[in-house]
Amino acid sequence: MSHFTVILLELSDLSSFTAFTDLNLVGILTDMSLAGSDTSANTANFAIRYLVQNPKVQTRMQQEIDQVLGNDRWFTLEDKPK
């Protein structure tokens, strides 16, 4: 199975396929990038707003983070199952 961007690049190289241009490729890749970052930004915004509006939840979350990580290190992917 080919990666989506590889297929798009292959389509842009086909001389007989004139309907697909470099501008189309840039547009599709830009849309994909912005859609992904917009979703992440909206999720982070929701989480922060929820915590600001619910201080008890914020306190409970901080206690859980402190219990798992302590105060002397950053989180890593290995902490995810905890």
C-alpha atoms as a PDB file:
ATOM      1  CA  MET A   1       0.000   0.000   0.000  1.00  0.00           C
ATOM      2  CA  SER A   2       1.474   3.335  -1.041  1.00  0.00           C
ATOM      3  CA  HIS A   3       1.500   6.401   1.140  1.00  0.00           C
ATOM      4  CA  PHE A   4      -1.040   9.039   0.102  1.00  0.00           C
ATOM      5  CA  THR A   5       1.570  11.726  -0.607  1.00  0.00           C
ATOM      6  CA  VAL A   6       3.609   9.316  -2.745  1.00  0.00           C
ATOM      7  CA  ILE A   7       0.535   8.632  -4.878  1.00  0.00           C
ATOM      8  CA  LEU A   8      -0.100  12.367  -5.230  1.00  0.00           C
ATOM      9  CA  LEU A   9       3.495  12.948  -6.307  1.00  0.00           C
ATOM     10  CA  GLU A  10       3.268  10.119  -8.830  1.00  0.00           C
ATOM     11  CA  LEU A  11       0.057  11.612 -10.240  1.00  0.00           C
ATOM     12  CA  SER A  12       1.711  15.012 -10.599  1.00  0.00           C
ATOM     13  CA  ASP A  13       4.533  13.405 -12.635  1.00  0.00           C
ATOM     14  CA  LEU A  14       2.229  11.737 -15.186  1.00  0.00           C
ATOM     15  CA  SER A  15       2.370  13.787 -18.366  1.00  0.00           C
ATOM     16  CA  SER A  16      -0.877  12.284 -19.677  1.00  0.00           C
ATOM     17  CA  PHE A  17      -2.755  13.269 -16.516  1.00  0.00           C
ATOM     18  CA  THR A  18      -2.971  17.031 -17.086  1.00  0.00           C
ATOM     19  CA  ALA A  19      -5.879  17.724 -14.728  1.00  0.00           C
ATOM     20  CA  PHE A  20      -3.606  17.313 -11.693  1.00  0.00           C
ATOM     21  CA  THR A  21      -1.067  20.115 -11.317  1.00  0.00           C
ATOM     22  CA  ASP A  22       1.634  21.053  -8.837  1.00  0.00           C
ATOM     23  CA  LEU A  23      -0.742  23.700  -7.512  1.00  0.00           C
ATOM     24  CA  ASN A  24      -3.323  20.970  -6.818  1.00  0.00           C
ATOM     25  CA  LEU A  25      -0.676  18.987  -4.941  1.00  0.00           C
ATOM     26  CA  VAL A  26       0.318  21.977  -2.818  1.00  0.00           C
ATOM     27  CA  GLY A  27      -3.332  22.739  -2.095  1.00  0.00           C
ATOM     28  CA  ILE A  28      -4.151  19.193  -0.987  1.00  0.00           C
ATOM     29  CA  LEU A  29      -1.074  18.914   1.239  1.00  0.00           C
ATOM     30  CA  THR A  30      -1.751  22.343   2.755  1.00  0.00           C
ATOM     31  CA  ASP A  31      -5.363  21.382   3.495  1.00  0.00           C
ATOM     32  CA  MET A  32      -4.223  18.155   5.148  1.00  0.00           C
ATOM     33  CA  SER A  33      -1.663  19.960   7.303  1.00  0.00           C
ATOM     34  CA  LEU A  34      -4.011  22.725   8.387  1.00  0.00           C
ATOM     35  CA  ALA A  35      -6.854  20.316   9.120  1.00  0.00           C
ATOM     36  CA  GLY A  36      -4.627  18.270  11.396  1.00  0.00           C
ATOM     37  CA  SER A  37      -3.244  21.259  13.267  1.00  0.00           C
ATOM     38  CA  ASP A  38      -6.672  22.856  13.595  1.00  0.00           C
ATOM     39  CA  THR A  39      -8.089  19.704  15.184  1.00  0.00           C
ATOM     40  CA  SER A  40      -5.216  19.548  17.669  1.00  0.00           C
ATOM     41  CA  ALA A  41      -5.575  23.236  18.535  1.00  0.00           C
ATOM     42  CA  ASN A  42      -9.330  22.862  19.102  1.00  0.00           C
ATOM     43  CA  THR A  43      -8.799  19.835  21.349  1.00  0.00           C
ATOM     44  CA  ALA A  44      -6.159  21.646  23.431  1.00  0.00           C
ATOM     45  CA  ASN A  45      -8.408  24.715  23.652  1.00  0.00           C
ATOM     46  CA  PHE A  46     -11.330  22.608  24.875  1.00  0.00           C
ATOM     47  CA  ALA A  47      -9.184  20.863  27.506  1.00  0.00           C
ATOM     48  CA  ILE A  48      -7.768  24.124  28.862  1.00  0.00           C
ATOM     49  CA  ARG A  49     -11.194  25.790  28.982  1.00  0.00           C
ATOM     50  CA  TYR A  50     -12.671  22.771  30.751  1.00  0.00           C
ATOM     51  CA  LEU A  51      -9.918  22.779  33.366  1.00  0.00           C
ATOM     52  CA  VAL A  52     -10.235  26.543  33.950  1.00  0.00           C
ATOM     53  CA  GLN A  53     -13.994  26.217  34.429  1.00  0.00           C
ATOM     54  CA  ASN A  54     -13.658  23.149  36.700  1.00  0.00           C
ATOM     55  CA  PRO A  55     -10.977  23.783  39.334  1.00  0.00           C
ATOM     56  CA  LYS A  56     -11.779  20.550  41.204  1.00  0.00           C
ATOM     57  CA  VAL A  57     -11.045  18.530  38.050  1.00  0.00           C
ATOM     58  CA  GLN A  58      -7.865  20.559  37.499  1.00  0.00           C
ATOM     59  CA  THR A  59      -6.702  19.823  41.062  1.00  0.00           C
ATOM     60  CA  ARG A  60      -7.503  16.109  40.708  1.00  0.00           C
ATOM     61  CA  MET A  61      -5.648  15.959  37.396  1.00  0.00           C
ATOM     62  CA  GLN A  62      -2.576  17.668  38.879  1.00  0.00           C
ATOM     63  CA  GLN A  63      -2.591  15.247  41.819  1.00  0.00           C
ATOM     64  CA  GLU A  64      -2.666  12.284  39.443  1.00  0.00           C
ATOM     65  CA  ILE A  65       0.193  13.706  37.373  1.00  0.00           C
ATOM     66  CA  ASP A  66       2.237  14.308  40.525  1.00  0.00           C
ATOM     67  CA  GLN A  67       1.498  10.773  41.739  1.00  0.00           C
ATOM     68  CA  VAL A  68       2.688   9.173  38.488  1.00  0.00           C
ATOM     69  CA  LEU A  69       5.567  11.497  37.599  1.00  0.00           C
ATOM     70  CA  GLY A  70       6.579  13.207  40.796  1.00  0.00           C
ATOM     71  CA  ASN A  71       8.035  16.693  40.566  1.00  0.00           C
ATOM     72  CA  ASP A  72      11.470  15.930  39.162  1.00  0.00           C
ATOM     73  CA  ARG A  73      10.915  14.860  35.531  1.00  0.00           C
ATOM     74  CA  TRP A  74       8.930  15.385  32.338  1.00  0.00           C
ATOM     75  CA  PHE A  75       6.469  12.800  31.057  1.00  0.00           C
ATOM     76  CA  THR A  76       7.424  10.318  28.335  1.00  0.00           C
ATOM     77  CA  LEU A  77       5.518   7.827  26.181  1.00  0.00           C
ATOM     78  CA  GLU A  78       6.405   5.107  28.709  1.00  0.00           C
ATOM     79  CA  ASP A  79       4.145   6.912  31.211  1.00  0.00           C
ATOM     80  CA  LYS A  80       1.074   6.588  28.968  1.00  0.00           C
ATOM     81  CA  PRO A  81      -0.129   3.202  30.340  1.00  0.00           C
ATOM     82  CA  LYS A  82       0.131   4.507  33.903  1.00  0.00           C
END
